[in-house]
Structure formats: structure tokens, C-alpha cells
C-alpha atoms as a PDB file:
ATOM      1  CA  MET A   1      73.650  56.125 152.235  1.00  0.00           C
ATOM      2  CA  ALA A   2      75.978  53.584 151.723  1.00  0.00           C
ATOM      3  CA  SER A   3      78.100  52.452 154.640  1.00  0.00           C
ATOM      4  CA  ASN A   4      81.267  50.565 155.259  1.00  0.00           C
ATOM      5  CA  ASP A   5      82.945  49.636 158.323  1.00  0.00           C
ATOM      6  CA  SER A   6      86.262  51.068 157.086  1.00  0.00           C
ATOM      7  CA  ARG A   7      86.282  54.938 157.961  1.00  0.00           C
ATOM      8  CA  ARG A   8      88.542  58.014 157.460  1.00  0.00           C
ATOM      9  CA  SER A   9      88.659  61.607 157.972  1.00  0.00           C
ATOM     10  CA  ALA A  10      89.005  64.078 155.151  1.00  0.00           C
ATOM     11  CA  PRO A  11      91.472  66.582 156.041  1.00  0.00           C
ATOM     12  CA  ARG A  12      90.280  70.181 156.317  1.00  0.00           C
ATOM     13  CA  SER A  13      91.883  73.334 154.465  1.00  0.00           C
ATOM     14  CA  GLY A  14      95.377  73.021 153.531  1.00  0.00           C
ATOM     15  CA  GLY A  15      95.649  69.311 153.760  1.00  0.00           C
ATOM     16  CA  ARG A  16      94.751  66.156 151.833  1.00  0.00           C
ATOM     17  CA  ALA A  17      94.468  62.549 152.316  1.00  0.00           C
ATOM     18  CA  GLY A  18      97.367  60.336 151.920  1.00  0.00           C
ATOM     19  CA  GLY A  19      97.809  58.517 148.753  1.00  0.00           C
ATOM     20  CA  SER A  20      96.612  55.064 149.878  1.00  0.00           C
ATOM     21  CA  SER A  21      93.538  55.608 151.855  1.00  0.00           C
ATOM     22  CA  ARG A  22      91.655  52.798 153.147  1.00  0.00           C
ATOM     23  CA  SER A  23      88.308  51.800 151.101  1.00  0.00           C
ATOM     24  CA  GLY A  24      85.012  52.919 152.684  1.00  0.00           C
ATOM     25  CA  ALA A  25      82.001  54.739 152.321  1.00  0.00           C
ATOM     26  CA  GLN A  26      81.210  57.352 154.774  1.00  0.00           C
ATOM     27  CA  PRO A  27      79.745  60.732 155.384  1.00  0.00           C
ATOM     28  CA  ARG A  28      81.988  63.816 155.764  1.00  0.00           C
ATOM     29  CA  ARG A  29      82.372  66.265 158.795  1.00  0.00           C
ATOM     30  CA  PRO A  30      80.104  69.476 158.626  1.00  0.00           C
ATOM     31  CA  GLY A  31      81.034  72.520 156.506  1.00  0.00           C
ATOM     32  CA  THR A  32      79.964  76.073 156.554  1.00  0.00           C
ATOM     33  CA  SER A  33      77.338  77.301 153.964  1.00  0.00           C
ATOM     34  CA  ALA A  34      79.142  79.128 151.089  1.00  0.00           C
ATOM     35  CA  ALA A  35      78.653  83.076 151.145  1.00  0.00           C
ATOM     36  CA  PRO A  36      76.087  84.642 149.058  1.00  0.00           C
ATOM     37  CA  ASN A  37      76.823  86.630 146.001  1.00  0.00           C
ATOM     38  CA  THR A  38      75.170  88.089 143.066  1.00  0.00           C
ATOM     39  CA  ARG A  39      73.866  84.550 141.891  1.00  0.00           C
ATOM     40  CA  THR A  40      71.735  82.060 143.379  1.00  0.00           C
ATOM     41  CA  SER A  41      73.175  78.975 145.232  1.00  0.00           C
ATOM     42  CA  ALA A  42      71.593  75.834 144.241  1.00  0.00           C
ATOM     43  CA  GLY A  43      70.576  74.950 148.062  1.00  0.00           C
ATOM     44  CA  ASP A  44      69.161  78.521 148.833  1.00  0.00           C
ATOM     45  CA  GLU A  45      65.878  78.715 150.762  1.00  0.00           C
ATOM     46  CA  GLU A  46      64.315  80.743 147.921  1.00  0.00           C
ATOM     47  CA  ARG A  47      64.821  77.900 145.350  1.00  0.00           C
ATOM     48  CA  GLY A  48      62.978  75.405 148.109  1.00  0.00           C
ATOM     49  CA  ALA A  49      65.642  73.982 150.466  1.00  0.00           C
ATOM     50  CA  GLY A  50      65.439  70.458 151.779  1.00  0.00           C
ATOM     51  CA  THR A  51      63.484  69.433 154.926  1.00  0.00           C
ATOM     52  CA  GLU A  52      64.553  70.900 158.226  1.00  0.00           C
ATOM     53  CA  GLY A  53      67.567  69.190 159.530  1.00  0.00           C
ATOM     54  CA  SER A  54      68.445  67.482 156.304  1.00  0.00           C
ATOM     55  CA  PRO A  55      71.279  68.440 153.554  1.00  0.00           C
ATOM     56  CA  ARG A  56      70.207  70.680 151.073  1.00  0.00           C
ATOM     57  CA  GLY A  57      72.790  68.986 148.688  1.00  0.00           C
ATOM     58  CA  LEU A  58      73.965  65.644 148.007  1.00  0.00           C
ATOM     59  CA  ALA A  59      77.228  64.247 146.774  1.00  0.00           C
ATOM     60  CA  LEU A  60      78.786  61.035 145.750  1.00  0.00           C
ATOM     61  CA  CYS A  61      82.470  60.891 145.377  1.00  0.00           C
ATOM     62  CA  VAL A  62      83.983  57.619 143.727  1.00  0.00           C
ATOM     63  CA  GLY A  63      87.775  56.916 143.492  1.00  0.00           C
ATOM     64  CA  ILE A  64      89.085  53.517 142.487  1.00  0.00           C
ATOM     65  CA  ASN A  65      92.719  52.502 142.634  1.00  0.00           C
ATOM     66  CA  VAL A  66      92.611  48.935 142.553  1.00  0.00           C
ATOM     67  CA  PHE A  67      90.326  46.550 140.932  1.00  0.00           C
ATOM     68  CA  GLU A  68      89.261  43.074 142.227  1.00  0.00           C
ATOM     69  CA  ASN A  69      89.684  41.248 138.716  1.00  0.00           C
ATOM     70  CA  LEU A  70      92.500  43.172 137.121  1.00  0.00           C
ATOM     71  CA  PRO A  71      96.126  42.513 137.419  1.00  0.00           C
ATOM     72  CA  SER A  72      98.244  45.056 139.527  1.00  0.00           C
ATOM     73  CA  SER A  73      99.582  46.629 136.107  1.00  0.00           C
ATOM     74  CA  ALA A  74      96.069  48.154 135.646  1.00  0.00           C
ATOM     75  CA  GLN A  75      96.108  49.788 139.244  1.00  0.00           C
ATOM     76  CA  LEU A  76      96.052  53.555 139.494  1.00  0.00           C
ATOM     77  CA  HIS A  77      97.231  55.448 142.273  1.00  0.00           C
ATOM     78  CA  GLY A  78      95.548  58.916 142.848  1.00  0.00           C
ATOM     79  CA  CYS A  79      91.898  57.903 142.356  1.00  0.00           C
ATOM     80  CA  VAL A  80      91.272  57.531 146.243  1.00  0.00           C
ATOM     81  CA  ASN A  81      92.823  60.803 146.933  1.00  0.00           C
ATOM     82  CA  ASP A  82      90.593  62.364 144.249  1.00  0.00           C
ATOM     83  CA  ALA A  83      87.644  61.243 145.947  1.00  0.00           C
ATOM     84  CA  ASN A  84      88.594  62.425 149.236  1.00  0.00           C
ATOM     85  CA  ASP A  85      89.936  65.668 148.244  1.00  0.00           C
ATOM     86  CA  PHE A  86      86.917  66.545 146.450  1.00  0.00           C
ATOM     87  CA  ALA A  87      84.712  65.761 149.245  1.00  0.00           C
ATOM     88  CA  ALA A  88      86.850  67.969 151.430  1.00  0.00           C
ATOM     89  CA  VAL A  89      86.185  70.838 148.893  1.00  0.00           C
ATOM     90  CA  LEU A  90      82.679  70.171 148.678  1.00  0.00           C
ATOM     91  CA  GLN A  91      82.696  71.119 152.619  1.00  0.00           C
ATOM     92  CA  ASP A  92      85.134  73.835 152.759  1.00  0.00           C
ATOM     93  CA  CYS A  93      84.039  75.377 149.708  1.00  0.00           C
ATOM     94  CA  LEU A  94      80.501  74.736 148.386  1.00  0.00           C
ATOM     95  CA  GLY A  95      78.845  74.486 151.707  1.00  0.00           C
ATOM     96  CA  PHE A  96      77.955  70.690 151.956  1.00  0.00           C
ATOM     97  CA  ASP A  97      77.018  69.144 155.058  1.00  0.00           C
ATOM     98  CA  GLU A  98      78.845  65.711 156.275  1.00  0.00           C
ATOM     99  CA  LEU A  99      75.528  64.052 155.794  1.00  0.00           C
ATOM    100  CA  GLY A 100      75.149  64.956 152.540  1.00  0.00           C
ATOM    101  CA  ILE A 101      78.312  63.494 151.143  1.00  0.00           C
ATOM    102  CA  THR A 102      79.032  59.607 150.265  1.00  0.00           C
ATOM    103  CA  VAL A 103      82.615  58.719 149.449  1.00  0.00           C
ATOM    104  CA  LEU A 104      83.086  55.325 147.749  1.00  0.00           C
ATOM    105  CA  THR A 105      86.367  53.943 147.141  1.00  0.00           C
ATOM    106  CA  ASP A 106      88.124  50.626 146.156  1.00  0.00           C
ATOM    107  CA  ALA A 107      86.475  47.679 147.466  1.00  0.00           C
ATOM    108  CA  ALA A 108      83.293  49.761 148.496  1.00  0.00           C
ATOM    109  CA  ALA A 109      83.023  51.202 145.045  1.00  0.00           C
ATOM    110  CA  SER A 110      81.330  48.014 143.151  1.00  0.00           C
ATOM    111  CA  LYS A 111      78.764  48.856 140.759  1.00  0.00           C
ATOM    112  CA  SER A 112      75.907  47.808 142.585  1.00  0.00           C
ATOM    113  CA  ALA A 113      76.998  50.056 145.504  1.00  0.00           C
ATOM    114  CA  ILE A 114      77.385  53.098 143.262  1.00  0.00           C
ATOM    115  CA  MET A 115      74.470  52.653 141.524  1.00  0.00           C
ATOM    116  CA  GLY A 116      72.551  52.000 144.798  1.00  0.00           C
ATOM    117  CA  ALA A 117      74.068  55.475 146.079  1.00  0.00           C
ATOM    118  CA  LEU A 118      73.103  57.361 142.836  1.00  0.00           C
ATOM    119  CA  ASN A 119      69.649  55.738 143.044  1.00  0.00           C
ATOM    120  CA  GLU A 120      69.290  56.788 146.563  1.00  0.00           C
ATOM    121  CA  HIS A 121      70.272  60.747 145.930  1.00  0.00           C
ATOM    122  CA  ILE A 122      67.969  60.651 143.046  1.00  0.00           C
ATOM    123  CA  THR A 123      65.200  59.656 144.969  1.00  0.00           C
ATOM    124  CA  ARG A 124      65.759  62.334 147.273  1.00  0.00           C
ATOM    125  CA  ALA A 125      66.058  64.912 144.574  1.00  0.00           C
ATOM    126  CA  LYS A 126      62.767  63.537 143.134  1.00  0.00           C
ATOM    127  CA  ALA A 127      61.086  64.151 146.531  1.00  0.00           C
ATOM    128  CA  GLY A 128      62.178  67.689 146.586  1.00  0.00           C
ATOM    129  CA  GLU A 129      64.537  66.946 149.397  1.00  0.00           C
ATOM    130  CA  ILE A 130      67.580  68.847 147.796  1.00  0.00           C
ATOM    131  CA  LYS A 131      68.236  71.227 144.934  1.00  0.00           C
ATOM    132  CA  HIS A 132      71.911  70.418 144.259  1.00  0.00           C
ATOM    133  CA  LEU A 133      73.251  67.050 143.209  1.00  0.00           C
ATOM    134  CA  VAL A 134      77.015  66.225 142.671  1.00  0.00           C
ATOM    135  CA  VAL A 135      78.806  63.170 141.304  1.00  0.00           C
ATOM    136  CA  THR A 136      82.644  63.023 141.090  1.00  0.00           C
ATOM    137  CA  TYR A 137      84.232  59.900 139.573  1.00  0.00           C
ATOM    138  CA  SER A 138      87.855  59.112 139.228  1.00  0.00           C
ATOM    139  CA  SER A 139      88.749  55.648 137.783  1.00  0.00           C
ATOM    140  CA  HIS A 140      89.602  53.767 134.518  1.00  0.00           C
ATOM    141  CA  GLY A 141      87.385  54.662 131.388  1.00  0.00           C
ATOM    142  CA  THR A 142      86.687  52.170 128.649  1.00  0.00           C
ATOM    143  CA  HIS A 143      84.319  51.413 125.766  1.00  0.00           C
ATOM    144  CA  VAL A 144      82.000  48.334 125.209  1.00  0.00           C
ATOM    145  CA  PRO A 145      79.650  47.393 122.474  1.00  0.00           C
ATOM    146  CA  ASP A 146      76.061  49.111 122.263  1.00  0.00           C
ATOM    147  CA  PRO A 147      74.319  47.134 125.296  1.00  0.00           C
ATOM    148  CA  THR A 148      71.245  47.456 123.694  1.00  0.00           C
ATOM    149  CA  GLY A 149      71.973  45.772 120.577  1.00  0.00           C
ATOM    150  CA  ASP A 150      69.757  48.182 118.518  1.00  0.00           C
ATOM    151  CA  GLU A 151      72.776  49.889 117.006  1.00  0.00           C
ATOM    152  CA  PRO A 152      75.404  47.260 116.062  1.00  0.00           C
ATOM    153  CA  ASP A 153      77.752  49.967 114.762  1.00  0.00           C
ATOM    154  CA  ARG A 154      77.955  51.792 117.733  1.00  0.00           C
ATOM    155  CA  ALA A 155      80.113  51.419 121.044  1.00  0.00           C
ATOM    156  CA  ASP A 156      79.366  53.076 124.251  1.00  0.00           C
ATOM    157  CA  GLU A 157      81.703  54.831 126.971  1.00  0.00           C
ATOM    158  CA  ALA A 158      81.661  53.034 130.339  1.00  0.00           C
ATOM    159  CA  ILE A 159      83.470  53.772 133.588  1.00  0.00           C
ATOM    160  CA  ALA A 160      85.051  51.009 135.377  1.00  0.00           C
ATOM    161  CA  ALA A 161      83.868  49.854 138.872  1.00  0.00           C
ATOM    162  CA  TYR A 162      85.677  48.023 141.473  1.00  0.00           C
ATOM    163  CA  ASP A 163      84.344  44.614 140.305  1.00  0.00           C
ATOM    164  CA  ILE A 164      84.924  45.009 136.553  1.00  0.00           C
ATOM    165  CA  ARG A 165      85.743  41.968 134.824  1.00  0.00           C
ATOM    166  CA  PRO A 166      85.867  40.290 131.308  1.00  0.00           C
ATOM    167  CA  ALA A 167      83.057  38.836 129.492  1.00  0.00           C
ATOM    168  CA  GLY A 168      84.635  37.302 126.370  1.00  0.00           C
ATOM    169  CA  ASP A 169      86.041  40.079 124.262  1.00  0.00           C
ATOM    170  CA  SER A 170      84.239  42.714 126.213  1.00  0.00           C
ATOM    171  CA  TRP A 171      83.565  43.680 129.770  1.00  0.00           C
ATOM    172  CA  ASP A 172      80.740  42.455 131.852  1.00  0.00           C
ATOM    173  CA  LEU A 173      77.876  44.903 131.733  1.00  0.00           C
ATOM    174  CA  ASP A 174      77.086  44.119 135.254  1.00  0.00           C
ATOM    175  CA  THR A 175      80.471  45.606 136.389  1.00  0.00           C
ATOM    176  CA  VAL A 176      80.921  48.794 134.332  1.00  0.00           C
ATOM    177  CA  ILE A 177      78.878  51.771 134.441  1.00  0.00           C
ATOM    178  CA  VAL A 178      77.286  52.692 130.808  1.00  0.00           C
ATOM    179  CA  ASP A 179      76.556  56.014 129.569  1.00  0.00           C
ATOM    180  CA  ASP A 180      72.971  55.061 128.910  1.00  0.00           C
ATOM    181  CA  GLU A 181      72.581  54.150 132.271  1.00  0.00           C
ATOM    182  CA  LEU A 182      73.623  57.610 133.593  1.00  0.00           C
ATOM    183  CA  GLN A 183      71.325  59.566 131.208  1.00  0.00           C
ATOM    184  CA  SER A 184      68.453  57.223 132.494  1.00  0.00           C
ATOM    185  CA  LEU A 185      69.240  58.005 135.948  1.00  0.00           C
ATOM    186  CA  PHE A 186      69.676  61.759 135.539  1.00  0.00           C
ATOM    187  CA  GLY A 187      66.812  61.822 133.422  1.00  0.00           C
ATOM    188  CA  GLU A 188      64.778  61.239 136.556  1.00  0.00           C
ATOM    189  CA  VAL A 189      65.959  64.328 138.345  1.00  0.00           C
ATOM    190  CA  PRO A 190      63.374  67.237 137.943  1.00  0.00           C
ATOM    191  CA  ASP A 191      64.626  70.245 136.257  1.00  0.00           C
ATOM    192  CA  ASP A 192      64.674  72.538 139.350  1.00  0.00           C
ATOM    193  CA  VAL A 193      67.677  70.587 140.752  1.00  0.00           C
ATOM    194  CA  LEU A 194      71.365  71.592 139.953  1.00  0.00           C
ATOM    195  CA  VAL A 195      73.231  68.459 138.770  1.00  0.00           C
ATOM    196  CA  GLU A 196      76.946  68.483 138.522  1.00  0.00           C
ATOM    197  CA  VAL A 197      79.458  65.734 137.107  1.00  0.00           C
ATOM    198  CA  PHE A 198      82.818  65.650 137.547  1.00  0.00           C
ATOM    199  CA  LEU A 199      84.566  62.494 135.371  1.00  0.00           C
ATOM    200  CA  ASP A 200      88.461  62.278 135.762  1.00  0.00           C
ATOM    201  CA  THR A 201      88.485  59.071 133.363  1.00  0.00           C
ATOM    202  CA  CYS A 202      89.022  58.632 129.690  1.00  0.00           C
ATOM    203  CA  ASN A 203      87.581  56.537 126.976  1.00  0.00           C
ATOM    204  CA  SER A 204      89.888  56.307 124.650  1.00  0.00           C
ATOM    205  CA  GLY A 205      93.806  55.733 123.979  1.00  0.00           C
ATOM    206  CA  THR A 206      93.934  56.931 120.326  1.00  0.00           C
ATOM    207  CA  GLY A 207      95.523  60.290 121.415  1.00  0.00           C
ATOM    208  CA  LEU A 208      98.130  58.957 123.632  1.00  0.00           C
ATOM    209  CA  ARG A 209     101.387  60.709 123.343  1.00  0.00           C
ATOM    210  CA  ALA A 210     105.029  59.875 125.170  1.00  0.00           C
ATOM    211  CA  SER A 211     104.458  62.445 127.825  1.00  0.00           C
ATOM    212  CA  ASP A 212     101.503  60.326 129.021  1.00  0.00           C
ATOM    213  CA  LEU A 213     103.670  57.430 129.568  1.00  0.00           C
ATOM    214  CA  LEU A 214     106.240  59.071 131.645  1.00  0.00           C
ATOM    215  CA  ALA A 215     107.229  57.611 135.042  1.00  0.00           C
ATOM    216  CA  GLY A 216     104.658  58.845 137.569  1.00  0.00           C
ATOM    217  CA  ARG A 217     101.851  59.303 134.908  1.00  0.00           C
ATOM    218  CA  THR A 218      99.353  56.543 134.284  1.00  0.00           C
ATOM    219  CA  PRO A 219      96.552  56.953 131.510  1.00  0.00           C
ATOM    220  CA  LYS A 220      93.336  56.226 132.837  1.00  0.00           C
ATOM    221  CA  PHE A 221      92.248  54.065 130.234  1.00  0.00           C
ATOM    222  CA  LEU A 222      91.299  50.421 129.729  1.00  0.00           C
ATOM    223  CA  PRO A 223      90.981  48.878 126.370  1.00  0.00           C
ATOM    224  CA  ALA A 224      88.733  45.782 125.572  1.00  0.00           C
ATOM    225  CA  PRO A 225      90.088  42.662 127.355  1.00  0.00           C
ATOM    226  CA  THR A 226      91.083  40.955 124.303  1.00  0.00           C
ATOM    227  CA  LEU A 227      92.888  41.987 121.308  1.00  0.00           C
ATOM    228  CA  ASP A 228      89.884  40.566 119.255  1.00  0.00           C
ATOM    229  CA  GLY A 229      87.611  42.874 121.080  1.00  0.00           C
ATOM    230  CA  GLU A 230      89.823  46.038 120.688  1.00  0.00           C
ATOM    231  CA  GLU A 231      89.777  45.639 117.227  1.00  0.00           C
ATOM    232  CA  GLU A 232      86.166  45.296 116.772  1.00  0.00           C
ATOM    233  CA  LEU A 233      85.618  48.193 118.869  1.00  0.00           C
ATOM    234  CA  SER A 234      87.994  50.243 116.934  1.00  0.00           C
ATOM    235  CA  GLN A 235      85.510  49.927 113.891  1.00  0.00           C
ATOM    236  CA  LEU A 236      82.598  51.301 115.703  1.00  0.00           C
ATOM    237  CA  SER A 237      81.506  54.891 116.368  1.00  0.00           C
ATOM    238  CA  VAL A 238      81.680  55.634 119.863  1.00  0.00           C
ATOM    239  CA  VAL A 239      78.811  57.488 121.747  1.00  0.00           C
ATOM    240  CA  GLY A 240      80.064  59.395 124.807  1.00  0.00           C
ATOM    241  CA  VAL A 241      78.815  60.124 128.232  1.00  0.00           C
ATOM    242  CA  ARG A 242      78.890  63.703 127.517  1.00  0.00           C
ATOM    243  CA  ASP A 243      76.981  63.015 124.322  1.00  0.00           C
ATOM    244  CA  LEU A 244      73.789  61.486 126.180  1.00  0.00           C
ATOM    245  CA  LEU A 245      74.386  63.859 129.286  1.00  0.00           C
ATOM    246  CA  ALA A 246      73.903  66.928 126.896  1.00  0.00           C
ATOM    247  CA  ALA A 247      70.753  65.396 125.455  1.00  0.00           C
ATOM    248  CA  SER A 248      68.582  65.879 128.766  1.00  0.00           C
ATOM    249  CA  LEU A 249      65.246  64.581 128.782  1.00  0.00           C
ATOM    250  CA  PRO A 250      62.019  66.815 128.566  1.00  0.00           C
ATOM    251  CA  GLY A 251      61.241  67.851 132.175  1.00  0.00           C
ATOM    252  CA  ALA A 252      64.450  66.684 133.472  1.00  0.00           C
ATOM    253  CA  ALA A 253      67.626  68.430 134.661  1.00  0.00           C
ATOM    254  CA  ALA A 254      70.407  69.265 132.354  1.00  0.00           C
ATOM    255  CA  PRO A 255      73.495  68.099 133.984  1.00  0.00           C
ATOM    256  CA  VAL A 256      76.805  70.307 134.074  1.00  0.00           C
ATOM    257  CA  LEU A 257      79.474  68.005 133.103  1.00  0.00           C
ATOM    258  CA  PHE A 258      83.326  68.578 133.601  1.00  0.00           C
ATOM    259  CA  ALA A 259      85.049  65.921 131.831  1.00  0.00           C
ATOM    260  CA  ALA A 260      89.241  65.458 132.169  1.00  0.00           C
ATOM    261  CA  CYS A 261      90.046  65.552 128.599  1.00  0.00           C
ATOM    262  CA  ALA A 262      88.853  65.463 124.976  1.00  0.00           C
ATOM    263  CA  ALA A 263      86.944  62.424 123.594  1.00  0.00           C
ATOM    264  CA  ASP A 264      90.251  61.294 121.894  1.00  0.00           C
ATOM    265  CA  GLN A 265      92.629  61.997 124.929  1.00  0.00           C
ATOM    266  CA  THR A 266      93.983  60.255 127.943  1.00  0.00           C
ATOM    267  CA  ALA A 267      93.418  61.516 131.451  1.00  0.00           C
ATOM    268  CA  ALA A 268      96.489  61.610 133.704  1.00  0.00           C
ATOM    269  CA  ASP A 269      96.703  59.737 136.947  1.00  0.00           C
ATOM    270  CA  ALA A 270     100.130  61.493 138.068  1.00  0.00           C
ATOM    271  CA  PHE A 271     102.429  62.055 141.004  1.00  0.00           C
ATOM    272  CA  ILE A 272     102.067  65.816 141.803  1.00  0.00           C
ATOM    273  CA  ASN A 273     103.612  67.461 144.486  1.00  0.00           C
ATOM    274  CA  GLY A 274     104.576  64.508 146.369  1.00  0.00           C
ATOM    275  CA  ARG A 275     101.456  62.521 146.166  1.00  0.00           C
ATOM    276  CA  TYR A 276      99.278  61.006 143.404  1.00  0.00           C
ATOM    277  CA  ASN A 277      95.977  62.635 142.140  1.00  0.00           C
ATOM    278  CA  GLY A 278      94.190  62.403 138.686  1.00  0.00           C
ATOM    279  CA  ALA A 279      95.722  65.587 137.180  1.00  0.00           C
ATOM    280  CA  PHE A 280      92.387  67.160 136.160  1.00  0.00           C
ATOM    281  CA  THR A 281      91.060  66.801 139.865  1.00  0.00           C
ATOM    282  CA  TYR A 282      94.361  68.045 141.305  1.00  0.00           C
ATOM    283  CA  TYR A 283      94.181  71.344 139.260  1.00  0.00           C
ATOM    284  CA  LEU A 284      90.473  71.809 139.486  1.00  0.00           C
ATOM    285  CA  LEU A 285      90.387  71.783 143.104  1.00  0.00           C
ATOM    286  CA  GLN A 286      93.274  73.995 143.304  1.00  0.00           C
ATOM    287  CA  THR A 287      91.555  76.517 141.400  1.00  0.00           C
ATOM    288  CA  ILE A 288      88.162  76.202 143.506  1.00  0.00           C
ATOM    289  CA  ARG A 289      90.073  76.655 146.530  1.00  0.00           C
ATOM    290  CA  ALA A 290      91.950  79.542 145.331  1.00  0.00           C
ATOM    291  CA  GLY A 291      88.386  81.215 145.024  1.00  0.00           C
ATOM    292  CA  GLN A 292      89.237  83.635 142.250  1.00  0.00           C
ATOM    293  CA  ALA A 293      87.863  81.883 138.916  1.00  0.00           C
ATOM    294  CA  GLY A 294      84.497  82.786 139.288  1.00  0.00           C
ATOM    295  CA  THR A 295      82.281  81.331 136.216  1.00  0.00           C
ATOM    296  CA  ARG A 296      82.530  77.630 135.408  1.00  0.00           C
ATOM    297  CA  ARG A 297      83.866  78.836 132.151  1.00  0.00           C
ATOM    298  CA  ALA A 298      86.567  80.769 133.901  1.00  0.00           C
ATOM    299  CA  VAL A 299      87.346  77.593 136.218  1.00  0.00           C
ATOM    300  CA  LEU A 300      87.723  75.606 132.872  1.00  0.00           C
ATOM    301  CA  LYS A 301      90.174  78.077 131.370  1.00  0.00           C
ATOM    302  CA  GLN A 302      92.306  78.085 134.581  1.00  0.00           C
ATOM    303  CA  VAL A 303      92.597  74.347 134.848  1.00  0.00           C
ATOM    304  CA  ARG A 304      93.397  73.971 131.122  1.00  0.00           C
ATOM    305  CA  SER A 305      96.328  76.529 131.733  1.00  0.00           C
ATOM    306  CA  ARG A 306      97.415  74.816 134.953  1.00  0.00           C
ATOM    307  CA  LEU A 307      97.696  71.638 133.094  1.00  0.00           C
ATOM    308  CA  ARG A 308      99.454  73.107 130.291  1.00  0.00           C
ATOM    309  CA  SER A 309     102.012  74.849 132.083  1.00  0.00           C
ATOM    310  CA  ASN A 310     102.917  71.460 133.952  1.00  0.00           C
ATOM    311  CA  ARG A 311     102.946  69.755 130.420  1.00  0.00           C
ATOM    312  CA  PHE A 312     100.144  67.744 130.521  1.00  0.00           C
ATOM    313  CA  THR A 313      98.396  67.329 127.164  1.00  0.00           C
ATOM    314  CA  GLN A 314      94.884  66.758 128.107  1.00  0.00           C
ATOM    315  CA  ARG A 315      92.520  69.334 127.589  1.00  0.00           C
ATOM    316  CA  PRO A 316      89.476  69.214 129.963  1.00  0.00           C
ATOM    317  CA  GLU A 317      85.928  69.944 128.745  1.00  0.00           C
ATOM    318  CA  LEU A 318      82.844  71.501 130.114  1.00  0.00           C
ATOM    319  CA  ASP A 319      79.378  70.541 128.610  1.00  0.00           C
ATOM    320  CA  ALA A 320      76.593  72.764 129.977  1.00  0.00           C
ATOM    321  CA  ALA A 321      73.988  75.268 128.868  1.00  0.00           C
ATOM    322  CA  ARG A 322      75.085  78.821 128.202  1.00  0.00           C
ATOM    323  CA  TRP A 323      73.500  79.911 131.424  1.00  0.00           C
ATOM    324  CA  ALA A 324      75.385  77.358 133.596  1.00  0.00           C
ATOM    325  CA  LYS A 325      78.758  78.214 131.755  1.00  0.00           C
ATOM    326  CA  ARG A 326      78.266  81.964 133.136  1.00  0.00           C
ATOM    327  CA  ALA A 327      77.401  80.824 136.688  1.00  0.00           C
ATOM    328  CA  PRO A 328      80.158  79.611 139.484  1.00  0.00           C
ATOM    329  CA  ILE A 329      80.486  75.952 140.415  1.00  0.00           C
ATOM    330  CA  GLY A 330      77.641  75.070 142.880  1.00  0.00           C
ATOM    331  CA  GLU A 331      75.230  77.837 141.649  1.00  0.00           C
ATOM    332  CA  VAL A 332      72.899  78.529 138.667  1.00  0.00           C
ATOM    333  CA  ALA A 333      72.601  81.929 137.131  1.00  0.00           C
ATOM    334  CA  ASP A 334      69.805  84.503 137.614  1.00  0.00           C
ATOM    335  CA  GLU A 335      66.266  83.234 135.922  1.00  0.00           C
ATOM    336  CA  SER A 336      66.930  86.059 133.457  1.00  0.00           C
ATOM    337  CA  GLU A 337      70.073  84.799 132.293  1.00  0.00           C
ATOM    338  CA  HIS A 338      68.691  81.311 131.214  1.00  0.00           C
ATOM    339  CA  SER A 339      68.586  82.043 127.508  1.00  0.00           C
END
């Protein structure tokens, strides 16, 4: 598990971390197990819990407000809050243990640290230690030319790490996480492990509206570092994270993906009720804490409604198998419903 000398505690039910939490990575406090219902929890003993004394689920929560090599104008404000708030909800509402949650923020969230934590979690999933893996990521999104070079007419979505830096007209691939890398990693997870991914980021600025630029709202999108680079990318077809995660590999887990907005929209970093958060994360966690939404499909519907009521234009999306849409977050449907 990643570690850092700078530590903080996530508040329990009813509170959230401040808007400028220190960078760091650490486990969270213990939580209680979620109450059982008619569906099966991903961590239930009947589905093969982890070894005695170890967490049944693992989570990586990433939030990045400041970036080592970018000007202050590119800074975000609510992403660290998003990571801390998500970690608290995982404990309070989804039965995660502090030893199972890693939080990486700001300077602790370099690409190498993020990929190292992901690899560690996936190694434990492959060893049969866990049955539930959650990844939350709040940061800037961007796009880069196809990193393999095999498809020169394709651009790939990417997520900014703390150490993102330019490399000519594009972003250095050693400092962004590209969709191909995520597909490769999640392709190693056994298909009996529930994988849930929550991305509060965006990878396009084409749908930008005036309301997205109001004071207290910042689009979570980085164009290419130069005009030439952005003009080149605008001519390419973009393959997104959701496209690759949806195309799960044979024998691998099919991830459940919540995305903060449609592919042609921007996701807002926003000042809401006295502090900054990603608008998607804020209303998603508000919905989960209310405990009344039920299925993932119902959660999505409520989050969209709350965003719309507060005059955000982004429309979150859910990419998942039909059975997963019919189950609550953190759970899988009964075997009879897998069709």
C-alpha cells in the first residue's frame, strides 16, 4: 500500500474534509459492514472473502488539485475533497475497512504512485484475497495521440497525474494514464471480482457552455499543451476509457464505470454549499448517503436530476452490463439475473 508522511483523517457521517487538505496516502479508519439485502455483496463470505484479518475489498481514491509542471491557472480546487469524501463514504456506507482504502492526493499522486497502487490491488485480487475493487479518480482529463502508433488516425483519452508535463505538442505519456493502460490492468482482474470505477474528469472541451465558466466552476479538461497539438488532435477520432473498459477481455472482470459526463461534455470542479468538489462526486455521494436510490441505474437517475436542478449541464453516464445496472453500488445481482 502506498504511504506518505503527510496524513489526515476523513470525517465520519455528516462531515467532509476541507477544501485544501494536505497531500498524502494512507489507510482510512475502520467502518462497519454494509447491511445485507436481497442481493449479494461483493465481499460476502459465500462469494469467497479474503484471508482472515485482511480487507474483503480494496479501494484507490485519487484527487489532484495542483500539478507539478502546470501554471496556477490550471489548478483545480475540489479534487482532494472528492478523494477524501469518497473514502469516507466507502467506509460509512459500503463496509470498507481502513486497511483497504488508499488515498493519493496532489504530490503523492504521481503516475508511478498511482500505477503502483493499482498494480498492488490487482495483484491481491488475482491472488483471491478480495472480491471488490473500487477506483475513484478526480483530476483533469485530456487526450493524446495513439500511444502505440498503430492507429495514426486515433486519439486516446488520458487522465492527468500530478507530474503531468508537456512533451512537444502532446503530453508526456510517462505522466498521464492512458485508456489502454487501464484496460490492460483491469484485464488481469478475475471475473469473479466486482470492479467499480468512478471517473470525475472529462476528456473534451467541445461541449463547453457559458454556464461551465461561471465563477466557482472550472472545467476539468486540459487541451494539448500547444495550439498545433490541439489542432492535430481535433482531426482524430477519440477512443475513450469507457469504450475500452466496456470491451472486457475474455475471463476478465467487466468493470462498472460511472463517468462524470458524456464524451463531448465537460465535468465541473465547483463551489457547492461552502466548499469545492467535483459536481458529479458531490451529488453522487449525496445520493449514496441518502440510502434511498437502490440500483445503480436509479442512482444515476438521481444524480442527473440533482445536477440538472442545480443548473449543471453535464450528464453522467453508466457503462455496465445489464445485470450490474440492476444491482446497488457495491453489490452484484443474483446469479439468475446475469443475462
